[in-house]
């Protein structure tokens, strides 16, 4: 279970980041479901990449201490919001 917890933290944080970005930037929102889907994908990727680069976070260290969890939440949230915005922008360009 301890090996799945960091991944779950990243996926949930990514979904939250995608929905927060969709709420802040209404013109980029894909709707709640697709904001969440893009956020989960971005959260997983963002958390993995940033934690690997910084060598921090529960996925990189195996530790479940508060600073590593907060780093993972922040990285995944930003990754989720970022990927949602990128997908929205690409979708808008393709519609033209």
PDB file of N, CA and C in Angstrom:
ATOM      1  N   UNK A   1       0.817  -1.196   0.000  1.00  0.00           N
ATOM      2  CA  UNK A   1       0.000   0.000   0.000  1.00  0.00           C
ATOM      3  C   UNK A   1       0.859   1.258   0.000  1.00  0.00           C
ATOM      4  N   UNK A   2       1.998   1.211   0.680  1.00  0.00           N
ATOM      5  CA  UNK A   2       2.853   2.396   0.728  1.00  0.00           C
ATOM      6  C   UNK A   2       3.425   2.750  -0.635  1.00  0.00           C
ATOM      7  N   UNK A   3       3.555   1.782  -1.525  1.00  0.00           N
ATOM      8  CA  UNK A   3       4.072   2.090  -2.855  1.00  0.00           C
ATOM      9  C   UNK A   3       2.995   2.720  -3.738  1.00  0.00           C
ATOM     10  N   UNK A   4       1.728   2.488  -3.438  1.00  0.00           N
ATOM     11  CA  UNK A   4       0.646   3.077  -4.219  1.00  0.00           C
ATOM     12  C   UNK A   4       0.259   4.466  -3.730  1.00  0.00           C
ATOM     13  N   UNK A   5       0.503   4.766  -2.480  1.00  0.00           N
ATOM     14  CA  UNK A   5       0.097   6.047  -1.912  1.00  0.00           C
ATOM     15  C   UNK A   5       0.716   7.239  -2.640  1.00  0.00           C
ATOM     16  N   UNK A   6       2.008   7.252  -2.957  1.00  0.00           N
ATOM     17  CA  UNK A   6       2.565   8.394  -3.697  1.00  0.00           C
ATOM     18  C   UNK A   6       1.903   8.584  -5.060  1.00  0.00           C
ATOM     19  N   UNK A   7       1.595   7.496  -5.734  1.00  0.00           N
ATOM     20  CA  UNK A   7       0.944   7.592  -7.041  1.00  0.00           C
ATOM     21  C   UNK A   7      -0.467   8.153  -6.890  1.00  0.00           C
ATOM     22  N   UNK A   8      -1.197   7.685  -5.896  1.00  0.00           N
ATOM     23  CA  UNK A   8      -2.545   8.207  -5.652  1.00  0.00           C
ATOM     24  C   UNK A   8      -2.509   9.688  -5.307  1.00  0.00           C
ATOM     25  N   UNK A   9      -1.531  10.101  -4.525  1.00  0.00           N
ATOM     26  CA  UNK A   9      -1.383  11.517  -4.176  1.00  0.00           C
ATOM     27  C   UNK A   9      -1.171  12.333  -5.445  1.00  0.00           C
ATOM     28  N   UNK A  10      -0.311  11.858  -6.340  1.00  0.00           N
ATOM     29  CA  UNK A  10      -0.040  12.580  -7.574  1.00  0.00           C
ATOM     30  C   UNK A  10      -1.269  12.654  -8.467  1.00  0.00           C
ATOM     31  N   UNK A  11      -2.012  11.564  -8.591  1.00  0.00           N
ATOM     32  CA  UNK A  11      -3.180  11.554  -9.476  1.00  0.00           C
ATOM     33  C   UNK A  11      -4.290  12.455  -8.951  1.00  0.00           C
ATOM     34  N   UNK A  12      -4.551  12.394  -7.646  1.00  0.00           N
ATOM     35  CA  UNK A  12      -5.590  13.242  -7.058  1.00  0.00           C
ATOM     36  C   UNK A  12      -5.175  14.712  -7.119  1.00  0.00           C
ATOM     37  N   UNK A  13      -3.920  14.994  -6.844  1.00  0.00           N
ATOM     38  CA  UNK A  13      -3.434  16.378  -6.919  1.00  0.00           C
ATOM     39  C   UNK A  13      -3.500  16.899  -8.348  1.00  0.00           C
ATOM     40  N   UNK A  14      -3.201  16.059  -9.306  1.00  0.00           N
ATOM     41  CA  UNK A  14      -3.292  16.463 -10.703  1.00  0.00           C
ATOM     42  C   UNK A  14      -4.718  16.772 -11.114  1.00  0.00           C
ATOM     43  N   UNK A  15      -5.666  15.930 -10.694  1.00  0.00           N
ATOM     44  CA  UNK A  15      -7.076  16.178 -10.999  1.00  0.00           C
ATOM     45  C   UNK A  15      -7.529  17.492 -10.370  1.00  0.00           C
ATOM     46  N   UNK A  16      -7.115  17.730  -9.146  1.00  0.00           N
ATOM     47  CA  UNK A  16      -7.458  18.993  -8.485  1.00  0.00           C
ATOM     48  C   UNK A  16      -6.826  20.173  -9.225  1.00  0.00           C
ATOM     49  N   UNK A  17      -5.573  20.030  -9.629  1.00  0.00           N
ATOM     50  CA  UNK A  17      -4.900  21.098 -10.372  1.00  0.00           C
ATOM     51  C   UNK A  17      -5.573  21.393 -11.698  1.00  0.00           C
ATOM     52  N   UNK A  18      -6.011  20.355 -12.397  1.00  0.00           N
ATOM     53  CA  UNK A  18      -6.718  20.558 -13.660  1.00  0.00           C
ATOM     54  C   UNK A  18      -8.034  21.295 -13.470  1.00  0.00           C
ATOM     55  N   UNK A  19      -8.763  20.950 -12.418  1.00  0.00           N
ATOM     56  CA  UNK A  19     -10.037  21.617 -12.159  1.00  0.00           C
ATOM     57  C   UNK A  19      -9.851  23.036 -11.626  1.00  0.00           C
ATOM     58  N   UNK A  20      -8.826  23.256 -10.837  1.00  0.00           N
ATOM     59  CA  UNK A  20      -8.543  24.616 -10.360  1.00  0.00           C
ATOM     60  C   UNK A  20      -8.148  25.503 -11.533  1.00  0.00           C
ATOM     61  N   UNK A  21      -7.303  24.993 -12.426  1.00  0.00           N
ATOM     62  CA  UNK A  21      -6.914  25.767 -13.606  1.00  0.00           C
ATOM     63  C   UNK A  21      -8.132  26.044 -14.492  1.00  0.00           C
ATOM     64  N   UNK A  22      -9.019  25.055 -14.633  1.00  0.00           N
ATOM     65  CA  UNK A  22     -10.233  25.258 -15.417  1.00  0.00           C
ATOM     66  C   UNK A  22     -11.148  26.301 -14.807  1.00  0.00           C
ATOM     67  N   UNK A  23     -11.183  26.369 -13.481  1.00  0.00           N
ATOM     68  CA  UNK A  23     -12.008  27.370 -12.802  1.00  0.00           C
ATOM     69  C   UNK A  23     -11.393  28.767 -12.913  1.00  0.00           C
ATOM     70  N   UNK A  24     -10.069  28.846 -12.848  1.00  0.00           N
ATOM     71  CA  UNK A  24      -9.401  30.145 -12.944  1.00  0.00           C
ATOM     72  C   UNK A  24      -9.417  30.696 -14.366  1.00  0.00           C
ATOM     73  N   UNK A  25      -9.256  29.826 -15.343  1.00  0.00           N
ATOM     74  CA  UNK A  25      -9.199  30.221 -16.748  1.00  0.00           C
ATOM     75  C   UNK A  25     -10.396  29.614 -17.467  1.00  0.00           C
ATOM     76  N   UNK A  26     -11.533  30.257 -17.325  1.00  0.00           N
ATOM     77  CA  UNK A  26     -12.781  29.708 -17.859  1.00  0.00           C
ATOM     78  C   UNK A  26     -12.723  29.503 -19.374  1.00  0.00           C
ATOM     79  N   UNK A  27     -11.983  30.338 -20.075  1.00  0.00           N
ATOM     80  CA  UNK A  27     -11.886  30.188 -21.525  1.00  0.00           C
ATOM     81  C   UNK A  27     -11.076  28.948 -21.936  1.00  0.00           C
ATOM     82  N   UNK A  28     -10.293  28.375 -21.013  1.00  0.00           N
ATOM     83  CA  UNK A  28      -9.517  27.166 -21.308  1.00  0.00           C
ATOM     84  C   UNK A  28     -10.165  25.905 -20.757  1.00  0.00           C
ATOM     85  N   UNK A  29     -11.222  26.053 -19.970  1.00  0.00           N
ATOM     86  CA  UNK A  29     -11.835  24.901 -19.316  1.00  0.00           C
ATOM     87  C   UNK A  29     -12.374  23.902 -20.329  1.00  0.00           C
ATOM     88  N   UNK A  30     -12.150  22.630 -20.047  1.00  0.00           N
ATOM     89  CA  UNK A  30     -12.652  21.545 -20.893  1.00  0.00           C
ATOM     90  C   UNK A  30     -13.905  20.911 -20.301  1.00  0.00           C
ATOM     91  N   UNK A  31     -14.371  21.432 -19.189  1.00  0.00           N
ATOM     92  CA  UNK A  31     -15.463  20.820 -18.444  1.00  0.00           C
ATOM     93  C   UNK A  31     -14.874  19.988 -17.314  1.00  0.00           C
ATOM     94  N   UNK A  32     -15.669  19.749 -16.299  1.00  0.00           N
ATOM     95  CA  UNK A  32     -15.159  19.082 -15.102  1.00  0.00           C
ATOM     96  C   UNK A  32     -14.535  17.722 -15.394  1.00  0.00           C
ATOM     97  N   UNK A  33     -15.214  16.903 -16.172  1.00  0.00           N
ATOM     98  CA  UNK A  33     -14.703  15.556 -16.459  1.00  0.00           C
ATOM     99  C   UNK A  33     -13.363  15.619 -17.183  1.00  0.00           C
ATOM    100  N   UNK A  34     -13.284  16.392 -18.260  1.00  0.00           N
ATOM    101  CA  UNK A  34     -12.048  16.423 -19.057  1.00  0.00           C
ATOM    102  C   UNK A  34     -10.945  17.219 -18.378  1.00  0.00           C
ATOM    103  N   UNK A  35     -11.315  18.203 -17.549  1.00  0.00           N
ATOM    104  CA  UNK A  35     -10.294  18.868 -16.722  1.00  0.00           C
ATOM    105  C   UNK A  35      -9.659  17.848 -15.787  1.00  0.00           C
ATOM    106  N   UNK A  36     -10.500  16.974 -15.225  1.00  0.00           N
ATOM    107  CA  UNK A  36      -9.994  15.944 -14.306  1.00  0.00           C
ATOM    108  C   UNK A  36      -9.125  14.928 -15.033  1.00  0.00           C
ATOM    109  N   UNK A  37      -9.574  14.485 -16.211  1.00  0.00           N
ATOM    110  CA  UNK A  37      -8.807  13.494 -16.976  1.00  0.00           C
ATOM    111  C   UNK A  37      -7.441  14.066 -17.378  1.00  0.00           C
ATOM    112  N   UNK A  38      -7.442  15.280 -17.918  1.00  0.00           N
ATOM    113  CA  UNK A  38      -6.174  15.913 -18.296  1.00  0.00           C
ATOM    114  C   UNK A  38      -5.316  16.160 -17.061  1.00  0.00           C
ATOM    115  N   UNK A  39      -5.962  16.530 -15.956  1.00  0.00           N
ATOM    116  CA  UNK A  39      -5.231  16.770 -14.715  1.00  0.00           C
ATOM    117  C   UNK A  39      -4.589  15.516 -14.157  1.00  0.00           C
ATOM    118  N   UNK A  40      -5.297  14.390 -14.226  1.00  0.00           N
ATOM    119  CA  UNK A  40      -4.732  13.121 -13.754  1.00  0.00           C
ATOM    120  C   UNK A  40      -3.501  12.759 -14.574  1.00  0.00           C
ATOM    121  N   UNK A  41      -3.609  12.884 -15.896  1.00  0.00           N
ATOM    122  CA  UNK A  41      -2.454  12.574 -16.755  1.00  0.00           C
ATOM    123  C   UNK A  41      -1.298  13.534 -16.478  1.00  0.00           C
ATOM    124  N   UNK A  42      -1.595  14.814 -16.405  1.00  0.00           N
ATOM    125  CA  UNK A  42      -0.556  15.806 -16.135  1.00  0.00           C
ATOM    126  C   UNK A  42       0.021  15.680 -14.744  1.00  0.00           C
ATOM    127  N   UNK A  43      -0.814  15.329 -13.790  1.00  0.00           N
ATOM    128  CA  UNK A  43      -0.338  15.154 -12.421  1.00  0.00           C
ATOM    129  C   UNK A  43       0.615  13.986 -12.297  1.00  0.00           C
ATOM    130  N   UNK A  44       0.280  12.894 -12.957  1.00  0.00           N
ATOM    131  CA  UNK A  44       1.163  11.732 -12.942  1.00  0.00           C
ATOM    132  C   UNK A  44       2.497  12.036 -13.594  1.00  0.00           C
ATOM    133  N   UNK A  45       2.436  12.678 -14.757  1.00  0.00           N
ATOM    134  CA  UNK A  45       3.675  13.013 -15.467  1.00  0.00           C
ATOM    135  C   UNK A  45       4.459  14.112 -14.759  1.00  0.00           C
ATOM    136  N   UNK A  46       3.756  15.163 -14.347  1.00  0.00           N
ATOM    137  CA  UNK A  46       4.430  16.277 -13.676  1.00  0.00           C
ATOM    138  C   UNK A  46       5.066  15.862 -12.366  1.00  0.00           C
ATOM    139  N   UNK A  47       4.343  15.080 -11.587  1.00  0.00           N
ATOM    140  CA  UNK A  47       4.894  14.603 -10.323  1.00  0.00           C
ATOM    141  C   UNK A  47       6.095  13.706 -10.532  1.00  0.00           C
ATOM    142  N   UNK A  48       6.004  12.832 -11.510  1.00  0.00           N
ATOM    143  CA  UNK A  48       7.100  11.914 -11.796  1.00  0.00           C
ATOM    144  C   UNK A  48       8.348  12.656 -12.265  1.00  0.00           C
ATOM    145  N   UNK A  49       8.166  13.579 -13.200  1.00  0.00           N
ATOM    146  CA  UNK A  49       9.308  14.308 -13.757  1.00  0.00           C
ATOM    147  C   UNK A  49       9.950  15.209 -12.707  1.00  0.00           C
ATOM    148  N   UNK A  50       9.142  16.015 -12.023  1.00  0.00           N
ATOM    149  CA  UNK A  50       9.723  16.946 -11.063  1.00  0.00           C
ATOM    150  C   UNK A  50      10.359  16.227  -9.883  1.00  0.00           C
ATOM    151  N   UNK A  51       9.709  15.189  -9.407  1.00  0.00           N
ATOM    152  CA  UNK A  51      10.292  14.436  -8.296  1.00  0.00           C
ATOM    153  C   UNK A  51      11.576  13.733  -8.711  1.00  0.00           C
ATOM    154  N   UNK A  52      11.652  13.304  -9.962  1.00  0.00           N
ATOM    155  CA  UNK A  52      12.881  12.670 -10.450  1.00  0.00           C
ATOM    156  C   UNK A  52      14.007  13.692 -10.590  1.00  0.00           C
ATOM    157  N   UNK A  53      13.672  14.866 -11.095  1.00  0.00           N
ATOM    158  CA  UNK A  53      14.684  15.904 -11.286  1.00  0.00           C
ATOM    159  C   UNK A  53      15.201  16.403  -9.941  1.00  0.00           C
ATOM    160  N   UNK A  54      14.284  16.633  -9.011  1.00  0.00           N
ATOM    161  CA  UNK A  54      14.679  17.167  -7.706  1.00  0.00           C
ATOM    162  C   UNK A  54      15.112  16.087  -6.727  1.00  0.00           C
ATOM    163  N   UNK A  55      14.871  14.823  -7.073  1.00  0.00           N
ATOM    164  CA  UNK A  55      15.157  13.693  -6.186  1.00  0.00           C
ATOM    165  C   UNK A  55      14.486  13.867  -4.828  1.00  0.00           C
ATOM    166  N   UNK A  56      13.251  14.329  -4.888  1.00  0.00           N
ATOM    167  CA  UNK A  56      12.463  14.501  -3.672  1.00  0.00           C
ATOM    168  C   UNK A  56      11.110  13.855  -3.890  1.00  0.00           C
ATOM    169  N   UNK A  57      10.291  13.920  -2.898  1.00  0.00           N
ATOM    170  CA  UNK A  57       8.944  13.386  -3.010  1.00  0.00           C
ATOM    171  C   UNK A  57       8.913  11.917  -2.671  1.00  0.00           C
ATOM    172  N   UNK A  58       7.739  11.426  -2.280  1.00  0.00           N
ATOM    173  CA  UNK A  58       7.625  10.035  -1.860  1.00  0.00           C
ATOM    174  C   UNK A  58       7.917   9.046  -2.984  1.00  0.00           C
ATOM    175  N   UNK A  59       7.695   9.430  -4.230  1.00  0.00           N
ATOM    176  CA  UNK A  59       7.968   8.504  -5.328  1.00  0.00           C
ATOM    177  C   UNK A  59       9.471   8.310  -5.524  1.00  0.00           C
ATOM    178  N   UNK A  60      10.259   9.347  -5.267  1.00  0.00           N
ATOM    179  CA  UNK A  60      11.704   9.266  -5.481  1.00  0.00           C
ATOM    180  C   UNK A  60      12.437   8.696  -4.266  1.00  0.00           C
ATOM    181  N   UNK A  61      11.994   9.072  -3.073  1.00  0.00           N
ATOM    182  CA  UNK A  61      12.732   8.680  -1.883  1.00  0.00           C
ATOM    183  C   UNK A  61      12.136   7.480  -1.155  1.00  0.00           C
ATOM    184  N   UNK A  62      10.880   7.200  -1.396  1.00  0.00           N
ATOM    185  CA  UNK A  62      10.206   6.120  -0.679  1.00  0.00           C
ATOM    186  C   UNK A  62       9.731   6.546   0.695  1.00  0.00           C
ATOM    187  N   UNK A  63      10.039   7.780   1.083  1.00  0.00           N
ATOM    188  CA  UNK A  63       9.646   8.287   2.402  1.00  0.00           C
ATOM    189  C   UNK A  63       8.310   9.011   2.297  1.00  0.00           C
ATOM    190  N   UNK A  64       7.528   8.900   3.341  1.00  0.00           N
ATOM    191  CA  UNK A  64       6.244   9.584   3.381  1.00  0.00           C
ATOM    192  C   UNK A  64       6.259  10.662   4.456  1.00  0.00           C
ATOM    193  N   UNK A  65       7.251  11.547   4.391  1.00  0.00           N
ATOM    194  CA  UNK A  65       7.290  12.655   5.329  1.00  0.00           C
ATOM    195  C   UNK A  65       6.568  13.855   4.718  1.00  0.00           C
ATOM    196  N   UNK A  66       6.200  14.804   5.546  1.00  0.00           N
ATOM    197  CA  UNK A  66       5.377  15.929   5.112  1.00  0.00           C
ATOM    198  C   UNK A  66       6.011  16.762   3.999  1.00  0.00           C
ATOM    199  N   UNK A  67       7.287  17.140   4.072  1.00  0.00           N
ATOM    200  CA  UNK A  67       7.854  17.938   2.978  1.00  0.00           C
ATOM    201  C   UNK A  67       7.831  17.216   1.621  1.00  0.00           C
ATOM    202  N   UNK A  68       8.098  15.923   1.609  1.00  0.00           N
ATOM    203  CA  UNK A  68       8.097  15.210   0.334  1.00  0.00           C
ATOM    204  C   UNK A  68       6.679  15.071  -0.214  1.00  0.00           C
ATOM    205  N   UNK A  69       5.701  14.907   0.666  1.00  0.00           N
ATOM    206  CA  UNK A  69       4.309  14.829   0.217  1.00  0.00           C
ATOM    207  C   UNK A  69       3.859  16.176  -0.345  1.00  0.00           C
ATOM    208  N   UNK A  70       4.205  17.275   0.324  1.00  0.00           N
ATOM    209  CA  UNK A  70       3.830  18.605  -0.158  1.00  0.00           C
ATOM    210  C   UNK A  70       4.494  18.928  -1.492  1.00  0.00           C
ATOM    211  N   UNK A  71       5.742  18.512  -1.652  1.00  0.00           N
ATOM    212  CA  UNK A  71       6.422  18.694  -2.935  1.00  0.00           C
ATOM    213  C   UNK A  71       5.706  17.934  -4.035  1.00  0.00           C
ATOM    214  N   UNK A  72       5.299  16.719  -3.742  1.00  0.00           N
ATOM    215  CA  UNK A  72       4.588  15.899  -4.712  1.00  0.00           C
ATOM    216  C   UNK A  72       3.237  16.505  -5.066  1.00  0.00           C
ATOM    217  N   UNK A  73       2.518  16.996  -4.070  1.00  0.00           N
ATOM    218  CA  UNK A  73       1.214  17.626  -4.310  1.00  0.00           C
ATOM    219  C   UNK A  73       1.374  18.862  -5.188  1.00  0.00           C
ATOM    220  N   UNK A  74       2.363  19.696  -4.879  1.00  0.00           N
ATOM    221  CA  UNK A  74       2.585  20.909  -5.662  1.00  0.00           C
ATOM    222  C   UNK A  74       2.982  20.579  -7.100  1.00  0.00           C
ATOM    223  N   UNK A  75       3.909  19.655  -7.266  1.00  0.00           N
ATOM    224  CA  UNK A  75       4.366  19.290  -8.612  1.00  0.00           C
ATOM    225  C   UNK A  75       3.235  18.691  -9.432  1.00  0.00           C
ATOM    226  N   UNK A  76       2.451  17.847  -8.830  1.00  0.00           N
ATOM    227  CA  UNK A  76       1.360  17.194  -9.541  1.00  0.00           C
ATOM    228  C   UNK A  76       0.242  18.172  -9.862  1.00  0.00           C
ATOM    229  N   UNK A  77      -0.043  19.077  -8.941  1.00  0.00           N
ATOM    230  CA  UNK A  77      -1.075  20.081  -9.191  1.00  0.00           C
ATOM    231  C   UNK A  77      -0.704  20.996 -10.347  1.00  0.00           C
ATOM    232  N   UNK A  78       0.535  21.445 -10.360  1.00  0.00           N
ATOM    233  CA  UNK A  78       1.011  22.297 -11.457  1.00  0.00           C
ATOM    234  C   UNK A  78       1.022  21.514 -12.773  1.00  0.00           C
ATOM    235  N   UNK A  79       1.479  20.265 -12.720  1.00  0.00           N
ATOM    236  CA  UNK A  79       1.486  19.436 -13.931  1.00  0.00           C
ATOM    237  C   UNK A  79       0.082  19.205 -14.467  1.00  0.00           C
ATOM    238  N   UNK A  80      -0.864  18.962 -13.577  1.00  0.00           N
ATOM    239  CA  UNK A  80      -2.251  18.747 -13.996  1.00  0.00           C
ATOM    240  C   UNK A  80      -2.863  19.981 -14.614  1.00  0.00           C
ATOM    241  N   UNK A  81      -2.662  21.117 -13.986  1.00  0.00           N
ATOM    242  CA  UNK A  81      -3.185  22.368 -14.536  1.00  0.00           C
ATOM    243  C   UNK A  81      -2.509  22.740 -15.841  1.00  0.00           C
ATOM    244  N   UNK A  82      -1.209  22.523 -15.906  1.00  0.00           N
ATOM    245  CA  UNK A  82      -0.470  22.837 -17.132  1.00  0.00           C
ATOM    246  C   UNK A  82      -0.889  21.990 -18.315  1.00  0.00           C
ATOM    247  N   UNK A  83      -1.031  20.686 -18.098  1.00  0.00           N
ATOM    248  CA  UNK A  83      -1.437  19.823 -19.207  1.00  0.00           C
ATOM    249  C   UNK A  83      -2.862  20.129 -19.655  1.00  0.00           C
ATOM    250  N   UNK A  84      -3.752  20.439 -18.715  1.00  0.00           N
ATOM    251  CA  UNK A  84      -5.115  20.808 -19.082  1.00  0.00           C
ATOM    252  C   UNK A  84      -5.107  22.056 -19.961  1.00  0.00           C
ATOM    253  N   UNK A  85      -4.293  23.050 -19.612  1.00  0.00           N
ATOM    254  CA  UNK A  85      -4.214  24.270 -20.409  1.00  0.00           C
ATOM    255  C   UNK A  85      -3.621  23.998 -21.792  1.00  0.00           C
ATOM    256  N   UNK A  86      -2.603  23.165 -21.858  1.00  0.00           N
ATOM    257  CA  UNK A  86      -1.994  22.832 -23.149  1.00  0.00           C
ATOM    258  C   UNK A  86      -2.991  22.112 -24.046  1.00  0.00           C
ATOM    259  N   UNK A  87      -3.702  21.143 -23.503  1.00  0.00           N
ATOM    260  CA  UNK A  87      -4.694  20.409 -24.284  1.00  0.00           C
ATOM    261  C   UNK A  87      -5.783  21.355 -24.784  1.00  0.00           C
ATOM    262  N   UNK A  88      -6.219  22.266 -23.933  1.00  0.00           N
ATOM    263  CA  UNK A  88      -7.245  23.219 -24.325  1.00  0.00           C
ATOM    264  C   UNK A  88      -6.766  24.134 -25.450  1.00  0.00           C
ATOM    265  N   UNK A  89      -5.537  24.612 -25.350  1.00  0.00           N
ATOM    266  CA  UNK A  89      -4.995  25.477 -26.387  1.00  0.00           C
ATOM    267  C   UNK A  89      -4.844  24.742 -27.722  1.00  0.00           C
ATOM    268  N   UNK A  90      -4.360  23.503 -27.667  1.00  0.00           N
ATOM    269  CA  UNK A  90      -4.210  22.721 -28.896  1.00  0.00           C
ATOM    270  C   UNK A  90      -5.577  22.432 -29.499  1.00  0.00           C
ATOM    271  N   UNK A  91      -6.530  22.103 -28.660  1.00  0.00           N
ATOM    272  CA  UNK A  91      -7.898  21.848 -29.135  1.00  0.00           C
ATOM    273  C   UNK A  91      -8.484  23.093 -29.810  1.00  0.00           C
ATOM    274  N   UNK A  92      -8.227  24.262 -29.226  1.00  0.00           N
ATOM    275  CA  UNK A  92      -8.697  25.513 -29.825  1.00  0.00           C
ATOM    276  C   UNK A  92      -8.054  25.787 -31.164  1.00  0.00           C
ATOM    277  N   UNK A  93      -6.769  25.507 -31.294  1.00  0.00           N
ATOM    278  CA  UNK A  93      -6.068  25.718 -32.558  1.00  0.00           C
ATOM    279  C   UNK A  93      -6.565  24.775 -33.647  1.00  0.00           C
ATOM    280  N   UNK A  94      -6.877  23.555 -33.250  1.00  0.00           N
ATOM    281  CA  UNK A  94      -7.337  22.565 -34.223  1.00  0.00           C
ATOM    282  C   UNK A  94      -8.753  22.883 -34.704  1.00  0.00           C
ATOM    283  N   UNK A  95      -9.533  23.591 -33.894  1.00  0.00           N
ATOM    284  CA  UNK A  95     -10.905  23.927 -34.268  1.00  0.00           C
ATOM    285  C   UNK A  95     -10.956  25.028 -35.311  1.00  0.00           C
ATOM    286  N   UNK A  96      -9.874  25.777 -35.450  1.00  0.00           N
ATOM    287  CA  UNK A  96      -9.858  26.905 -36.406  1.00  0.00           C
ATOM    288  C   UNK A  96      -9.629  26.427 -37.807  1.00  0.00           C
TER     289      UNK A  96
END
